[in-house]
Amino acid sequence: MTKARDLANGGFGLVLVKPSSVVGGTDNGKGTVTFSAQSSISLNNVFSSTYVNYKIIVNLTDNSSNDGDILLKWRNGGSDSSSNYYTSYTGINTLASPSVINKTQDPATAGHAIGKMDNSTKNSQHIILDIGNVFLSNFTRTVFSGFGSTDASNLFSYNGGGNHQVSQSYDGLTLISENGNITGTITVYGYNK
């Protein structure tokens, strides 16, 4: 039988993980990071040996400048890794003549492309990522899905994944707007072993 104290102390399921420090945003004291009009947001010391797998949830509510990708980089000791990001995703839009949208990076130095923003209507995006092996000295695997609007009459949904082909341990991440500034929140959860 599951006891109330086990659920309260994170004995099961997902546990919200608090970064030791944040660059470009503010931690609410529990681990939810809020940012406003930032070109990038970094979370330091959020991954550890406590968990093998993590879930990251990103909500973007505004984009203040040009169209562009939303990028993710892995981070260690306060510095971003700058190479070997392999990524692909496929999505579909809801225009009058719907189209399939494909994105492939093979490899990239900018980071994993995990979504798109558009400045015409200030946009919005909801992105969910599942991460494996990020703290282990192994290739880091990423699976993600997202949904958002890219203009007043167009919704865009997509699924994809990425492989960071560097056998190194990472303790943090950086979220980057390719063009302009973004506003929103980011939270990291660890999967209990």
C-alpha atoms as a PDB file:
ATOM      1  CA  MET A   1       0.000   0.000   0.000  1.00  0.00           C
ATOM      2  CA  THR A   2       1.277   3.504  -0.848  1.00  0.00           C
ATOM      3  CA  LYS A   3       1.563   5.702   2.203  1.00  0.00           C
ATOM      4  CA  ALA A   4       0.811   9.416   2.157  1.00  0.00           C
ATOM      5  CA  ARG A   5       4.297  10.255   3.422  1.00  0.00           C
ATOM      6  CA  ASP A   6       5.871   8.370   0.484  1.00  0.00           C
ATOM      7  CA  LEU A   7       3.874  10.412  -2.024  1.00  0.00           C
ATOM      8  CA  ALA A   8       4.646  13.646  -0.196  1.00  0.00           C
ATOM      9  CA  ASN A   9       8.400  13.128  -0.244  1.00  0.00           C
ATOM     10  CA  GLY A  10       8.580  12.231  -3.926  1.00  0.00           C
ATOM     11  CA  GLY A  11       8.882   8.499  -3.420  1.00  0.00           C
ATOM     12  CA  PHE A  12       7.092   7.803  -6.700  1.00  0.00           C
ATOM     13  CA  GLY A  13       6.663   9.266 -10.154  1.00  0.00           C
ATOM     14  CA  LEU A  14       8.081  12.637 -11.146  1.00  0.00           C
ATOM     15  CA  VAL A  15       9.917  14.989  -8.799  1.00  0.00           C
ATOM     16  CA  LEU A  16      10.366  18.698  -9.530  1.00  0.00           C
ATOM     17  CA  VAL A  17      14.106  19.451  -9.549  1.00  0.00           C
ATOM     18  CA  LYS A  18      15.427  22.824  -8.419  1.00  0.00           C
ATOM     19  CA  PRO A  19      18.482  24.246 -10.268  1.00  0.00           C
ATOM     20  CA  SER A  20      21.293  25.620  -8.111  1.00  0.00           C
ATOM     21  CA  SER A  21      21.312  28.818 -10.177  1.00  0.00           C
ATOM     22  CA  VAL A  22      19.568  30.395 -13.164  1.00  0.00           C
ATOM     23  CA  VAL A  23      20.917  32.785 -15.816  1.00  0.00           C
ATOM     24  CA  GLY A  24      18.277  34.927 -17.552  1.00  0.00           C
ATOM     25  CA  GLY A  25      15.337  33.909 -15.388  1.00  0.00           C
ATOM     26  CA  THR A  26      14.005  33.536 -11.848  1.00  0.00           C
ATOM     27  CA  ASP A  27      13.421  30.336  -9.868  1.00  0.00           C
ATOM     28  CA  ASN A  28      10.233  30.458  -7.769  1.00  0.00           C
ATOM     29  CA  GLY A  29      12.059  28.613  -4.979  1.00  0.00           C
ATOM     30  CA  LYS A  30      10.711  25.204  -5.996  1.00  0.00           C
ATOM     31  CA  GLY A  31      12.227  24.786  -9.449  1.00  0.00           C
ATOM     32  CA  THR A  32       9.812  26.499 -11.846  1.00  0.00           C
ATOM     33  CA  VAL A  33      11.861  29.065 -13.764  1.00  0.00           C
ATOM     34  CA  THR A  34      10.143  32.150 -15.192  1.00  0.00           C
ATOM     35  CA  PHE A  35      11.769  34.371 -17.812  1.00  0.00           C
ATOM     36  CA  SER A  36      10.716  37.475 -19.709  1.00  0.00           C
ATOM     37  CA  ALA A  37      12.137  38.951 -22.946  1.00  0.00           C
ATOM     38  CA  GLN A  38      15.295  36.806 -22.884  1.00  0.00           C
ATOM     39  CA  SER A  39      17.349  35.513 -25.809  1.00  0.00           C
ATOM     40  CA  SER A  40      18.534  32.556 -23.699  1.00  0.00           C
ATOM     41  CA  ILE A  41      17.868  30.952 -20.302  1.00  0.00           C
ATOM     42  CA  SER A  42      20.334  28.668 -18.519  1.00  0.00           C
ATOM     43  CA  LEU A  43      19.699  26.274 -15.625  1.00  0.00           C
ATOM     44  CA  ASN A  44      22.808  25.134 -13.734  1.00  0.00           C
ATOM     45  CA  ASN A  45      23.221  21.966 -11.653  1.00  0.00           C
ATOM     46  CA  VAL A  46      19.728  20.661 -12.330  1.00  0.00           C
ATOM     47  CA  PHE A  47      20.820  17.139 -13.416  1.00  0.00           C
ATOM     48  CA  SER A  48      22.584  14.714 -11.062  1.00  0.00           C
ATOM     49  CA  SER A  49      23.113  11.014 -10.336  1.00  0.00           C
ATOM     50  CA  THR A  50      19.830  11.012  -8.381  1.00  0.00           C
ATOM     51  CA  TYR A  51      17.907  10.378 -11.629  1.00  0.00           C
ATOM     52  CA  VAL A  52      18.740   8.746 -14.966  1.00  0.00           C
ATOM     53  CA  ASN A  53      15.771  10.122 -16.923  1.00  0.00           C
ATOM     54  CA  TYR A  54      14.187  13.572 -16.869  1.00  0.00           C
ATOM     55  CA  LYS A  55      11.127  15.354 -18.209  1.00  0.00           C
ATOM     56  CA  ILE A  56      11.356  19.028 -19.225  1.00  0.00           C
ATOM     57  CA  ILE A  57       8.270  21.191 -19.832  1.00  0.00           C
ATOM     58  CA  VAL A  58       8.590  24.515 -21.674  1.00  0.00           C
ATOM     59  CA  ASN A  59       5.763  27.028 -22.073  1.00  0.00           C
ATOM     60  CA  LEU A  60       6.498  30.004 -24.315  1.00  0.00           C
ATOM     61  CA  THR A  61       3.943  32.800 -24.374  1.00  0.00           C
ATOM     62  CA  ASP A  62       5.641  35.505 -26.394  1.00  0.00           C
ATOM     63  CA  ASN A  63       8.266  36.141 -29.045  1.00  0.00           C
ATOM     64  CA  SER A  64       9.326  39.737 -29.491  1.00  0.00           C
ATOM     65  CA  SER A  65      11.318  39.599 -32.701  1.00  0.00           C
ATOM     66  CA  ASN A  66      11.946  37.634 -35.885  1.00  0.00           C
ATOM     67  CA  ASP A  67      10.889  34.108 -36.807  1.00  0.00           C
ATOM     68  CA  GLY A  68      13.261  31.358 -35.765  1.00  0.00           C
ATOM     69  CA  ASP A  69      13.919  28.050 -34.056  1.00  0.00           C
ATOM     70  CA  ILE A  70      13.837  27.371 -30.336  1.00  0.00           C
ATOM     71  CA  LEU A  71      17.079  25.588 -29.503  1.00  0.00           C
ATOM     72  CA  LEU A  72      18.286  23.413 -26.606  1.00  0.00           C
ATOM     73  CA  LYS A  73      21.909  22.952 -25.539  1.00  0.00           C
ATOM     74  CA  TRP A  74      23.400  20.783 -22.802  1.00  0.00           C
ATOM     75  CA  ARG A  75      25.566  22.459 -20.200  1.00  0.00           C
ATOM     76  CA  ASN A  76      28.304  21.458 -17.764  1.00  0.00           C
ATOM     77  CA  GLY A  77      30.031  23.592 -15.160  1.00  0.00           C
ATOM     78  CA  GLY A  78      28.334  26.739 -16.454  1.00  0.00           C
ATOM     79  CA  SER A  79      29.351  26.264 -20.121  1.00  0.00           C
ATOM     80  CA  ASP A  80      27.268  25.055 -23.075  1.00  0.00           C
ATOM     81  CA  SER A  81      28.361  22.161 -25.290  1.00  0.00           C
ATOM     82  CA  SER A  82      28.781  23.513 -28.811  1.00  0.00           C
ATOM     83  CA  SER A  83      28.866  20.517 -31.149  1.00  0.00           C
ATOM     84  CA  ASN A  84      27.344  17.241 -32.333  1.00  0.00           C
ATOM     85  CA  TYR A  85      23.619  17.941 -31.939  1.00  0.00           C
ATOM     86  CA  TYR A  86      21.700  15.598 -34.265  1.00  0.00           C
ATOM     87  CA  THR A  87      17.968  16.371 -34.449  1.00  0.00           C
ATOM     88  CA  SER A  88      14.914  15.679 -36.575  1.00  0.00           C
ATOM     89  CA  TYR A  89      11.205  16.391 -36.294  1.00  0.00           C
ATOM     90  CA  THR A  90       8.088  16.177 -38.432  1.00  0.00           C
ATOM     91  CA  GLY A  91       4.970  18.289 -37.988  1.00  0.00           C
ATOM     92  CA  ILE A  92       1.851  19.471 -39.724  1.00  0.00           C
ATOM     93  CA  ASN A  93       0.131  22.849 -39.861  1.00  0.00           C
ATOM     94  CA  THR A  94      -3.548  23.746 -40.140  1.00  0.00           C
ATOM     95  CA  LEU A  95      -3.480  26.181 -43.026  1.00  0.00           C
ATOM     96  CA  ALA A  96      -6.185  25.994 -45.714  1.00  0.00           C
ATOM     97  CA  SER A  97      -3.793  23.700 -47.570  1.00  0.00           C
ATOM     98  CA  PRO A  98      -2.110  21.778 -44.712  1.00  0.00           C
ATOM     99  CA  SER A  99       1.512  20.835 -45.219  1.00  0.00           C
ATOM    100  CA  VAL A 100       4.017  18.545 -43.549  1.00  0.00           C
ATOM    101  CA  ILE A 101       7.017  20.337 -42.110  1.00  0.00           C
ATOM    102  CA  ASN A 102      10.304  18.484 -41.673  1.00  0.00           C
ATOM    103  CA  LYS A 103      13.429  19.664 -39.881  1.00  0.00           C
ATOM    104  CA  THR A 104      16.749  17.832 -39.822  1.00  0.00           C
ATOM    105  CA  GLN A 105      20.106  18.822 -38.326  1.00  0.00           C
ATOM    106  CA  ASP A 106      23.026  16.524 -39.058  1.00  0.00           C
ATOM    107  CA  PRO A 107      24.931  17.632 -37.006  1.00  0.00           C
ATOM    108  CA  ALA A 108      24.501  21.165 -35.659  1.00  0.00           C
ATOM    109  CA  THR A 109      26.495  23.418 -33.377  1.00  0.00           C
ATOM    110  CA  ALA A 110      23.537  25.653 -32.473  1.00  0.00           C
ATOM    111  CA  GLY A 111      21.767  22.956 -30.408  1.00  0.00           C
ATOM    112  CA  HIS A 112      18.717  20.724 -30.814  1.00  0.00           C
ATOM    113  CA  ALA A 113      15.915  22.502 -32.721  1.00  0.00           C
ATOM    114  CA  ILE A 114      12.884  21.695 -30.530  1.00  0.00           C
ATOM    115  CA  GLY A 115      10.306  24.172 -31.856  1.00  0.00           C
ATOM    116  CA  LYS A 116       9.597  27.338 -33.849  1.00  0.00           C
ATOM    117  CA  MET A 117       8.431  30.837 -32.966  1.00  0.00           C
ATOM    118  CA  ASP A 118       6.808  33.469 -35.156  1.00  0.00           C
ATOM    119  CA  ASN A 119       6.650  37.183 -34.465  1.00  0.00           C
ATOM    120  CA  SER A 120       3.522  38.048 -36.443  1.00  0.00           C
ATOM    121  CA  THR A 121       1.053  37.210 -33.653  1.00  0.00           C
ATOM    122  CA  LYS A 122       3.447  36.961 -30.688  1.00  0.00           C
ATOM    123  CA  ASN A 123       2.989  33.187 -30.876  1.00  0.00           C
ATOM    124  CA  SER A 124       2.873  30.503 -28.199  1.00  0.00           C
ATOM    125  CA  GLN A 125       4.466  27.089 -27.789  1.00  0.00           C
ATOM    126  CA  HIS A 126       4.110  24.148 -25.405  1.00  0.00           C
ATOM    127  CA  ILE A 127       7.036  21.705 -25.600  1.00  0.00           C
ATOM    128  CA  ILE A 128       7.487  18.465 -23.633  1.00  0.00           C
ATOM    129  CA  LEU A 129      10.836  16.656 -23.668  1.00  0.00           C
ATOM    130  CA  ASP A 130      11.924  13.296 -22.256  1.00  0.00           C
ATOM    131  CA  ILE A 131      15.671  13.053 -21.658  1.00  0.00           C
ATOM    132  CA  GLY A 132      17.852   9.967 -21.146  1.00  0.00           C
ATOM    133  CA  ASN A 133      21.470   9.700 -19.953  1.00  0.00           C
ATOM    134  CA  VAL A 134      22.073  13.437 -19.584  1.00  0.00           C
ATOM    135  CA  PHE A 135      24.148  13.100 -16.399  1.00  0.00           C
ATOM    136  CA  LEU A 136      25.811   9.846 -17.476  1.00  0.00           C
ATOM    137  CA  SER A 137      28.981   9.921 -19.566  1.00  0.00           C
ATOM    138  CA  ASN A 138      27.086   8.640 -22.564  1.00  0.00           C
ATOM    139  CA  PHE A 139      25.254  10.018 -25.599  1.00  0.00           C
ATOM    140  CA  THR A 140      22.235  12.048 -24.412  1.00  0.00           C
ATOM    141  CA  ARG A 141      18.939  11.055 -26.042  1.00  0.00           C
ATOM    142  CA  THR A 142      16.016  13.457 -26.374  1.00  0.00           C
ATOM    143  CA  VAL A 143      12.421  12.795 -27.451  1.00  0.00           C
ATOM    144  CA  PHE A 144      10.067  15.766 -27.739  1.00  0.00           C
ATOM    145  CA  SER A 145       6.660  16.924 -28.899  1.00  0.00           C
ATOM    146  CA  GLY A 146       5.208  20.388 -29.241  1.00  0.00           C
ATOM    147  CA  PHE A 147       2.192  22.409 -30.182  1.00  0.00           C
ATOM    148  CA  GLY A 148       1.741  26.095 -30.889  1.00  0.00           C
ATOM    149  CA  SER A 149       0.499  28.805 -33.180  1.00  0.00           C
ATOM    150  CA  THR A 150       2.668  30.286 -35.891  1.00  0.00           C
ATOM    151  CA  ASP A 151       0.168  32.952 -36.953  1.00  0.00           C
ATOM    152  CA  ALA A 152      -3.469  33.863 -36.324  1.00  0.00           C
ATOM    153  CA  SER A 153      -4.847  31.136 -38.602  1.00  0.00           C
ATOM    154  CA  ASN A 154      -2.204  28.426 -38.298  1.00  0.00           C
ATOM    155  CA  LEU A 155      -1.595  25.840 -35.588  1.00  0.00           C
ATOM    156  CA  PHE A 156       1.484  23.656 -35.720  1.00  0.00           C
ATOM    157  CA  SER A 157       2.034  20.303 -33.972  1.00  0.00           C
ATOM    158  CA  TYR A 158       5.160  18.165 -34.221  1.00  0.00           C
ATOM    159  CA  ASN A 159       7.132  15.236 -32.815  1.00  0.00           C
ATOM    160  CA  GLY A 160      10.848  14.616 -32.947  1.00  0.00           C
ATOM    161  CA  GLY A 161      14.012  13.501 -31.281  1.00  0.00           C
ATOM    162  CA  GLY A 162      17.675  14.193 -30.946  1.00  0.00           C
ATOM    163  CA  ASN A 163      20.973  12.580 -30.117  1.00  0.00           C
ATOM    164  CA  HIS A 164      23.857  14.532 -28.621  1.00  0.00           C
ATOM    165  CA  GLN A 165      26.819  12.452 -29.722  1.00  0.00           C
ATOM    166  CA  VAL A 166      29.311  13.401 -27.029  1.00  0.00           C
ATOM    167  CA  SER A 167      30.094  10.940 -24.226  1.00  0.00           C
ATOM    168  CA  GLN A 168      30.073  13.458 -21.407  1.00  0.00           C
ATOM    169  CA  SER A 169      28.070  14.166 -18.279  1.00  0.00           C
ATOM    170  CA  TYR A 170      25.924  17.329 -18.286  1.00  0.00           C
ATOM    171  CA  ASP A 171      24.436  19.038 -15.242  1.00  0.00           C
ATOM    172  CA  GLY A 172      22.445  21.820 -16.893  1.00  0.00           C
ATOM    173  CA  LEU A 173      20.753  23.157 -20.002  1.00  0.00           C
ATOM    174  CA  THR A 174      20.301  26.333 -22.017  1.00  0.00           C
ATOM    175  CA  LEU A 175      17.150  27.283 -23.924  1.00  0.00           C
ATOM    176  CA  ILE A 176      17.846  29.667 -26.816  1.00  0.00           C
ATOM    177  CA  SER A 177      15.749  31.800 -29.147  1.00  0.00           C
ATOM    178  CA  GLU A 178      17.406  31.794 -32.568  1.00  0.00           C
ATOM    179  CA  ASN A 179      16.066  35.293 -33.326  1.00  0.00           C
ATOM    180  CA  GLY A 180      14.874  37.767 -30.721  1.00  0.00           C
ATOM    181  CA  ASN A 181      13.602  37.302 -27.171  1.00  0.00           C
ATOM    182  CA  ILE A 182      11.143  34.858 -25.612  1.00  0.00           C
ATOM    183  CA  THR A 183       8.955  34.861 -22.501  1.00  0.00           C
ATOM    184  CA  GLY A 184       7.671  31.853 -20.581  1.00  0.00           C
ATOM    185  CA  THR A 185       8.474  29.130 -18.045  1.00  0.00           C
ATOM    186  CA  ILE A 186      10.611  25.999 -17.882  1.00  0.00           C
ATOM    187  CA  THR A 187      10.456  23.163 -15.354  1.00  0.00           C
ATOM    188  CA  VAL A 188      12.580  20.026 -14.964  1.00  0.00           C
ATOM    189  CA  TYR A 189      11.346  16.792 -13.355  1.00  0.00           C
ATOM    190  CA  GLY A 190      13.332  13.690 -12.472  1.00  0.00           C
ATOM    191  CA  TYR A 191      11.865  10.198 -12.948  1.00  0.00           C
ATOM    192  CA  ASN A 192      12.261   8.240  -9.734  1.00  0.00           C
ATOM    193  CA  LYS A 193      14.256   5.056 -10.230  1.00  0.00           C
END
